Amino acid sequence: FNSIKMKLINIFLFTFILFATFSGCKKTPGIGGNAVIKGRIWVEDWDNPYFTYIVHEYPGANVTVYIFFGDGLSPGESVKTNINGEFEFNYLRKGDYKVVVYSKKKQDPEVLNSSNTEAITSSVTIPATNSNIDIGKLTIKD
């Protein structure tokens, strides 16, 4: 009788552990999948500090691009663009992401200590495990 009771207890524990393991594994946005988000950075070289006309335009080589997972407040990862301004975030799971790159901006002379940078953001949803999403061109000012 004791051996049957022990077997039932073991089966119950095994079932409980199995259920707890798989029910608590909701995949959130982030690294660990097969999806890709890619794009390119384009630079507009303005006549600093006035920002009245564009002097030159070119692909943004060696620019840092950040990705935020879900509603995260800090970047989950960052990459540098290649010589053609292209970037790619690999091995992502399905979910919501924000791709962010920082750009110079015209300073407001009436606001003391205003930042001379602004975030250029693209919100992306990866709908499926093997998605390959191209967000296109993000334009920054220099």
Foldseek 3Di string as FASTA:
>chain_A
DVVVVVVVVVVVVVVVVVCVVVVPPDDFKDAAFFEKEKEFEKEFEAPPPPRPDTPDIATDFQFKKFKCTAPDPDTPDIDGAHPRRMDMDGRIAFAKMKIWGKAAAHDDPVDPPDDRIDIQIDIDGRPHRNHYHYPYYTYHYD
